[in-house]
């Protein structure tokens, strides 16, 4: 897979001097980490395939000064932060990711798009935010609003991710984001544009931070293992859902499902998989598109490890909140458990 990025149309900051390397301890990273959940059009989004944690052992911050037009423009940190670190994955996704490492500055804020991965109907990115003057940031202050175009067409799918500090000084914030493609095929080479016009919910931090790049999802999808499930269940409201397929690759593990009516959105879903040694792995509802009547659950925090050949799966449901908006964890089993051979 070609790791070069084509058609870059960004203001790129490349002049870093006075470099020094520093590693953060696991304690420092954990102290400043925070994950969040969002609900967007098309379904529920969760913080991704791993723990959405920064791998402290692999995260190195290189401190430098950026210069523009012969003048010192800002005191920011050049971050060497991979998307695998951002997602808490053990594998580096070297065969699947595109390295962008592009910084755009506006309104006193520097945004850096580090790496991207195109997966099945989903784009993954890791992004960092700093102030140009190097001052501290608040996690509550930053919630970037992105507009996504694929091959020039605006998409309106869901998304979600995690946010946390990247350094002890709290001057750099990192985000891991994923955006669904609203049904668009990402299996080949596609041109992407991500535009951030505001960095906070209230719209007080406005500007233009636009990134353009090309990404190819074909290698990841070719390397994805697929196992047919084909198990149908009836929700309490009478809607039938079918767990269609289990998929696994270096980025994530999913359970894809379909429904016979859009009212399937009225229920949250959870699937647990238990192996022969008693290990348990949970798949949480990540997305459901009512118009397409399709969705998927994603393994979060733990995934079924290599070497496991047989698991017992159980589906659980709970009604979505109708008024309060507060999610319930009172999941109840639905139907019978079943066995699935995965290798």
Protein backbone atom coordinates (compact mmCIF):
# COMPACT_ATOMS: atom_id res chain seq x y z
CA UNK A 1 0.00 0.00 0.00
CA UNK A 2 1.42 3.38 -0.98
CA UNK A 3 1.96 5.47 2.13
CA UNK A 4 2.37 8.73 0.23
CA UNK A 5 -0.34 11.33 0.50
CA UNK A 6 -1.39 12.92 -2.76
CA UNK A 7 -3.09 16.20 -3.57
CA UNK A 8 -2.19 17.84 -0.28
CA UNK A 9 -3.87 21.25 -0.12
CA UNK A 10 -2.85 22.43 3.32
CA UNK A 11 -0.63 25.03 4.95
CA UNK A 12 2.10 22.70 6.16
CA UNK A 13 4.35 23.57 9.07
CA UNK A 14 7.66 21.80 8.56
CA UNK A 15 10.35 23.99 10.14
CA UNK A 16 10.93 22.59 13.62
CA UNK A 17 14.12 23.47 15.49
CA UNK A 18 15.60 23.08 18.96
CA UNK A 19 14.36 19.50 19.16
CA UNK A 20 14.42 17.37 22.22
CA UNK A 21 12.63 14.08 22.92
CA UNK A 22 10.66 13.16 25.99
CA UNK A 23 8.55 10.14 26.89
CA UNK A 24 5.50 10.34 29.13
CA UNK A 25 4.94 7.85 31.86
CA UNK A 26 1.83 5.69 31.91
CA UNK A 27 0.77 7.49 35.08
CA UNK A 28 1.00 10.89 33.36
CA UNK A 29 -1.02 9.71 30.38
CA UNK A 30 -3.72 8.11 32.51
CA UNK A 31 -4.03 11.18 34.70
CA UNK A 32 -5.07 13.36 31.80
CA UNK A 33 -7.08 10.94 29.69
CA UNK A 34 -10.80 11.32 29.14
CA UNK A 35 -13.09 9.55 26.71
CA UNK A 36 -16.51 10.65 25.60
CA UNK A 37 -19.54 9.33 23.77
CA UNK A 38 -21.65 11.09 21.19
CA UNK A 39 -24.93 10.34 19.48
CA UNK A 40 -25.09 11.43 15.87
CA UNK A 41 -27.38 10.87 12.91
CA UNK A 42 -27.43 7.22 11.90
CA UNK A 43 -26.99 5.67 15.32
CA UNK A 44 -24.84 5.45 18.36
CA UNK A 45 -21.12 5.96 18.38
CA UNK A 46 -18.65 4.63 20.90
CA UNK A 47 -14.97 5.34 21.53
CA UNK A 48 -13.56 2.92 19.02
CA UNK A 49 -11.87 -0.45 18.72
CA UNK A 50 -9.48 -0.29 21.63
CA UNK A 51 -9.53 1.44 24.97
CA UNK A 52 -9.04 4.80 23.27
CA UNK A 53 -5.92 5.07 25.38
CA UNK A 54 -2.56 6.49 24.51
CA UNK A 55 0.21 3.89 24.67
CA UNK A 56 2.68 5.69 26.91
CA UNK A 57 5.60 3.52 25.90
CA UNK A 58 5.31 4.55 22.26
CA UNK A 59 4.26 8.20 22.61
CA UNK A 60 7.12 10.64 22.20
CA UNK A 61 6.68 14.39 22.21
CA UNK A 62 9.30 16.37 20.32
CA UNK A 63 9.40 19.94 21.57
CA UNK A 64 10.28 22.61 19.03
CA UNK A 65 9.71 26.10 17.73
CA UNK A 66 7.92 26.69 14.43
CA UNK A 67 8.97 29.55 12.20
CA UNK A 68 7.04 31.32 9.43
CA UNK A 69 8.29 34.03 7.09
CA UNK A 70 11.48 34.41 9.08
CA UNK A 71 9.64 35.18 12.31
CA UNK A 72 8.86 32.97 15.28
CA UNK A 73 5.21 32.11 14.67
CA UNK A 74 4.34 29.97 17.66
CA UNK A 75 5.71 27.76 20.39
CA UNK A 76 4.07 24.40 19.76
CA UNK A 77 5.08 20.78 20.05
CA UNK A 78 5.63 18.52 17.09
CA UNK A 79 3.91 15.31 18.13
CA UNK A 80 5.00 11.87 17.00
CA UNK A 81 1.73 10.11 17.74
CA UNK A 82 0.48 7.19 15.67
CA UNK A 83 -3.12 6.18 15.19
CA UNK A 84 -2.32 2.79 16.73
CA UNK A 85 -1.16 4.54 19.92
CA UNK A 86 -4.26 6.71 19.83
CA UNK A 87 -6.58 3.70 19.60
CA UNK A 88 -4.71 1.60 22.13
CA UNK A 89 -3.86 -1.09 19.57
CA UNK A 90 -0.90 -3.44 19.82
CA UNK A 91 -0.30 -3.48 16.06
CA UNK A 92 0.92 -0.39 14.22
CA UNK A 93 -1.38 -0.66 11.17
CA UNK A 94 1.62 0.09 8.96
CA UNK A 95 0.10 -1.73 5.97
CA UNK A 96 -3.20 0.14 6.19
CA UNK A 97 -2.66 3.71 7.36
CA UNK A 98 -1.81 6.90 5.50
CA UNK A 99 0.60 9.25 7.25
CA UNK A 100 -0.52 12.85 6.83
CA UNK A 101 1.32 14.77 9.60
CA UNK A 102 0.00 18.12 8.41
CA UNK A 103 -0.50 21.19 10.60
CA UNK A 104 -2.92 24.03 9.82
CA UNK A 105 -3.00 27.23 11.88
CA UNK A 106 -5.85 29.73 12.26
CA UNK A 107 -7.37 31.93 14.96
CA UNK A 108 -4.49 31.18 17.31
CA UNK A 109 -4.93 27.39 17.19
CA UNK A 110 -2.79 24.75 15.49
CA UNK A 111 -4.49 21.53 14.35
CA UNK A 112 -2.41 18.58 13.22
CA UNK A 113 -3.88 15.64 11.33
CA UNK A 114 -1.47 12.78 12.05
CA UNK A 115 -2.65 9.55 10.43
CA UNK A 116 -5.80 8.14 8.81
CA UNK A 117 -7.19 4.68 8.10
CA UNK A 118 -10.06 3.92 5.72
CA UNK A 119 -12.05 0.89 6.85
CA UNK A 120 -15.41 -0.56 5.87
CA UNK A 121 -17.69 2.49 5.47
CA UNK A 122 -15.68 4.36 8.09
CA UNK A 123 -12.75 6.78 8.24
CA UNK A 124 -10.47 6.84 11.31
CA UNK A 125 -8.20 9.76 12.16
CA UNK A 126 -6.05 10.99 15.02
CA UNK A 127 -5.85 14.74 15.47
CA UNK A 128 -4.09 17.04 17.94
CA UNK A 129 -4.87 20.63 18.97
CA UNK A 130 -2.56 23.23 20.46
CA UNK A 131 -2.61 26.97 20.92
CA UNK A 132 -0.07 28.83 18.80
CA UNK A 133 1.29 30.61 21.88
CA UNK A 134 1.83 27.32 23.69
CA UNK A 135 -0.62 28.11 26.52
CA UNK A 136 -2.75 25.50 28.31
CA UNK A 137 -6.00 24.07 26.97
CA UNK A 138 -9.14 22.79 28.66
CA UNK A 139 -10.68 19.48 27.62
CA UNK A 140 -14.12 21.05 28.00
CA UNK A 141 -13.05 23.80 25.61
CA UNK A 142 -12.34 21.57 22.60
CA UNK A 143 -15.01 19.72 20.61
CA UNK A 144 -14.13 20.04 16.91
CA UNK A 145 -16.99 20.11 14.41
CA UNK A 146 -15.94 18.44 11.15
CA UNK A 147 -17.44 18.49 7.68
CA UNK A 148 -16.36 15.51 5.59
CA UNK A 149 -16.24 15.21 1.81
CA UNK A 150 -15.34 12.04 -0.08
CA UNK A 151 -14.54 12.51 -3.77
CA UNK A 152 -16.12 15.94 -3.51
CA UNK A 153 -19.40 14.69 -2.03
CA UNK A 154 -20.45 15.78 1.45
CA UNK A 155 -21.32 12.88 3.77
CA UNK A 156 -23.68 13.05 6.71
CA UNK A 157 -22.94 9.84 8.59
CA UNK A 158 -22.34 9.45 12.31
CA UNK A 159 -19.13 9.71 14.24
CA UNK A 160 -17.51 9.63 17.63
CA UNK A 161 -14.21 9.34 19.42
CA UNK A 162 -12.09 10.13 22.45
CA UNK A 163 -10.24 13.17 23.80
CA UNK A 164 -7.38 13.50 26.30
CA UNK A 165 -4.24 15.45 27.11
CA UNK A 166 -1.02 14.47 25.37
CA UNK A 167 1.38 16.09 27.81
CA UNK A 168 1.74 16.91 31.48
CA UNK A 169 1.68 20.65 30.80
CA UNK A 170 -1.83 20.30 29.31
CA UNK A 171 -0.87 22.33 26.23
CA UNK A 172 -1.65 19.57 23.71
CA UNK A 173 -4.94 17.72 23.32
CA UNK A 174 -5.29 14.54 21.28
CA UNK A 175 -8.42 13.14 19.67
CA UNK A 176 -9.23 9.83 18.02
CA UNK A 177 -12.21 10.23 15.71
CA UNK A 178 -14.15 7.94 13.40
CA UNK A 179 -16.69 9.03 10.79
CA UNK A 180 -19.12 6.74 8.99
CA UNK A 181 -19.28 7.17 5.22
CA UNK A 182 -23.08 7.14 4.97
CA UNK A 183 -22.98 4.04 2.77
CA UNK A 184 -20.17 5.19 0.48
CA UNK A 185 -17.70 2.49 -0.54
CA UNK A 186 -14.24 3.10 0.95
CA UNK A 187 -12.66 -0.12 -0.29
CA UNK A 188 -10.56 1.60 -2.97
CA UNK A 189 -8.64 4.85 -3.44
CA UNK A 190 -10.69 7.90 -2.49
CA UNK A 191 -10.02 11.63 -2.09
CA UNK A 192 -10.98 13.06 1.30
CA UNK A 193 -11.44 16.54 2.68
CA UNK A 194 -11.96 17.23 6.38
CA UNK A 195 -12.87 20.80 7.27
CA UNK A 196 -13.10 22.13 10.81
CA UNK A 197 -14.82 25.50 11.06
CA UNK A 198 -15.14 25.63 14.84
CA UNK A 199 -13.36 23.90 17.69
CA UNK A 200 -15.94 24.25 20.47
CA UNK A 201 -19.64 23.58 20.98
CA UNK A 202 -20.55 27.25 21.52
CA UNK A 203 -18.80 28.40 18.35
CA UNK A 204 -16.47 30.84 20.07
CA UNK A 205 -13.38 29.33 18.43
CA UNK A 206 -13.95 29.77 14.71
CA UNK A 207 -11.60 29.47 11.77
CA UNK A 208 -10.69 27.32 8.80
CA UNK A 209 -8.67 24.17 9.39
CA UNK A 210 -8.94 22.11 6.20
CA UNK A 211 -7.08 18.91 5.36
CA UNK A 212 -7.08 17.13 2.00
CA UNK A 213 -5.58 13.69 1.38
CA UNK A 214 -6.00 10.39 -0.43
CA UNK A 215 -6.54 7.06 1.35
CA UNK A 216 -6.95 3.49 0.16
CA UNK A 217 -9.01 0.99 2.18
CA UNK A 218 -8.54 -2.00 -0.13
CA UNK A 219 -5.67 -3.68 1.71
CA UNK A 220 -7.39 -3.59 5.11
CA UNK A 221 -10.61 -4.96 3.68
CA UNK A 222 -8.77 -7.69 1.77
CA UNK A 223 -7.11 -8.73 5.04
CA UNK A 224 -10.41 -8.77 6.96
CA UNK A 225 -11.60 -12.15 8.20
CA UNK A 226 -15.34 -12.75 7.74
CA UNK A 227 -17.45 -15.39 9.48
CA UNK A 228 -21.16 -15.84 8.72
CA UNK A 229 -23.45 -15.80 11.78
CA UNK A 230 -26.99 -15.65 10.30
CA UNK A 231 -28.90 -15.70 13.62
CA UNK A 232 -32.28 -13.94 13.86
CA UNK A 233 -33.86 -12.52 17.02
CA UNK A 234 -37.10 -10.65 17.73
CA UNK A 235 -36.91 -7.43 19.76
CA UNK A 236 -39.58 -6.68 22.39
CA UNK A 237 -41.28 -4.27 19.93
CA UNK A 238 -41.68 -7.06 17.36
CA UNK A 239 -38.86 -5.98 15.03
CA UNK A 240 -36.64 -8.80 13.80
CA UNK A 241 -32.89 -8.32 13.68
CA UNK A 242 -30.34 -10.70 12.16
CA UNK A 243 -26.74 -10.95 13.28
CA UNK A 244 -25.25 -11.40 9.84
CA UNK A 245 -21.50 -11.54 10.09
CA UNK A 246 -18.46 -11.33 12.37
CA UNK A 247 -15.46 -9.43 10.93
CA UNK A 248 -11.94 -9.11 12.31
CA UNK A 249 -8.82 -7.24 11.23
CA UNK A 250 -5.90 -5.41 12.84
CA UNK A 251 -8.03 -2.28 13.35
CA UNK A 252 -11.22 -3.68 14.87
CA UNK A 253 -13.71 -6.49 15.32
CA UNK A 254 -17.39 -6.04 14.40
CA UNK A 255 -20.69 -7.88 14.35
CA UNK A 256 -22.83 -6.67 11.44
CA UNK A 257 -26.61 -6.87 11.69
CA UNK A 258 -29.73 -6.01 9.72
CA UNK A 259 -33.31 -5.26 10.77
CA UNK A 260 -36.69 -5.60 9.06
CA UNK A 261 -37.83 -2.17 10.28
CA UNK A 262 -36.21 1.13 11.25
CA UNK A 263 -37.79 0.84 14.72
CA UNK A 264 -34.84 -1.36 15.66
CA UNK A 265 -33.27 1.93 16.69
CA UNK A 266 -35.50 1.83 19.80
CA UNK A 267 -33.19 -0.74 21.42
CA UNK A 268 -29.58 -0.73 22.47
CA UNK A 269 -27.70 -3.96 21.76
CA UNK A 270 -24.84 -5.82 23.36
CA UNK A 271 -23.24 -9.12 22.36
CA UNK A 272 -20.89 -11.03 24.65
CA UNK A 273 -18.55 -13.74 23.39
CA UNK A 274 -17.12 -16.28 25.85
CA UNK A 275 -14.26 -18.57 24.87
CA UNK A 276 -13.49 -22.07 26.13
CA UNK A 277 -11.08 -20.72 28.77
CA UNK A 278 -13.70 -18.39 30.25
CA UNK A 279 -12.46 -15.19 28.58
CA UNK A 280 -15.27 -12.76 27.80
CA UNK A 281 -15.36 -10.11 25.10
CA UNK A 282 -18.06 -7.48 24.62
CA UNK A 283 -19.43 -5.97 21.41
CA UNK A 284 -21.33 -2.69 21.88
CA UNK A 285 -23.75 -1.04 19.48
CA UNK A 286 -21.74 1.41 17.44
CA UNK A 287 -24.00 2.43 14.57
CA UNK A 288 -27.47 1.83 13.15
CA UNK A 289 -28.79 3.51 10.02
CA UNK A 290 -32.60 3.57 10.10
CA UNK A 291 -33.04 4.25 6.40
CA UNK A 292 -30.75 1.39 5.38
CA UNK A 293 -31.84 -0.79 8.32
CA UNK A 294 -28.25 -1.85 8.87
CA UNK A 295 -25.84 -1.47 11.76
CA UNK A 296 -22.95 -3.01 13.60
CA UNK A 297 -21.57 -3.66 17.05
CA UNK A 298 -17.89 -3.19 17.80
CA UNK A 299 -15.54 -4.86 20.28
CA UNK A 300 -14.48 -2.29 22.86
CA UNK A 301 -11.55 -2.50 25.30
CA UNK A 302 -10.94 -6.19 24.61
CA UNK A 303 -11.15 -8.23 21.43
CA UNK A 304 -11.25 -11.95 20.71
CA UNK A 305 -7.55 -12.88 20.61
CA UNK A 306 -5.73 -14.88 17.98
CA UNK A 307 -5.83 -18.59 18.72
CA UNK A 308 -9.43 -18.69 19.93
CA UNK A 309 -11.37 -21.04 17.66
CA UNK A 310 -14.80 -21.24 19.29
CA UNK A 311 -16.92 -18.79 21.27
CA UNK A 312 -20.39 -18.80 22.76
CA UNK A 313 -22.28 -15.62 21.88
CA UNK A 314 -25.22 -14.10 23.73
CA UNK A 315 -27.31 -11.13 22.59
CA UNK A 316 -28.61 -8.62 25.16
CA UNK A 317 -30.97 -5.67 24.71
CA UNK A 318 -32.27 -2.67 26.63
CA UNK A 319 -34.75 0.01 25.55
CA UNK A 320 -33.29 3.33 24.47
CA UNK A 321 -34.29 6.28 26.68
CA UNK A 322 -37.32 8.14 25.35
CA UNK A 323 -37.11 11.28 27.45
CA UNK A 324 -34.12 11.62 29.77
CA UNK A 325 -31.43 10.77 27.22
CA UNK A 326 -29.62 8.78 29.92
CA UNK A 327 -28.52 5.38 28.67
CA UNK A 328 -29.47 2.32 30.71
CA UNK A 329 -27.13 -0.57 31.47
CA UNK A 330 -29.96 -2.91 32.44
CA UNK A 331 -29.32 -5.27 29.54
CA UNK A 332 -31.42 -8.44 29.39
CA UNK A 333 -30.60 -11.56 27.34
CA UNK A 334 -32.62 -12.06 24.17
CA UNK A 335 -33.15 -15.52 22.73
CA UNK A 336 -30.74 -18.41 23.05
CA UNK A 337 -26.96 -18.29 23.13
CA UNK A 338 -25.18 -19.86 20.16
CA UNK A 339 -21.75 -21.18 19.23
CA UNK A 340 -19.58 -19.65 16.52
CA UNK A 341 -16.37 -20.97 15.03
CA UNK A 342 -14.14 -18.05 14.18
CA UNK A 343 -10.99 -19.76 12.85
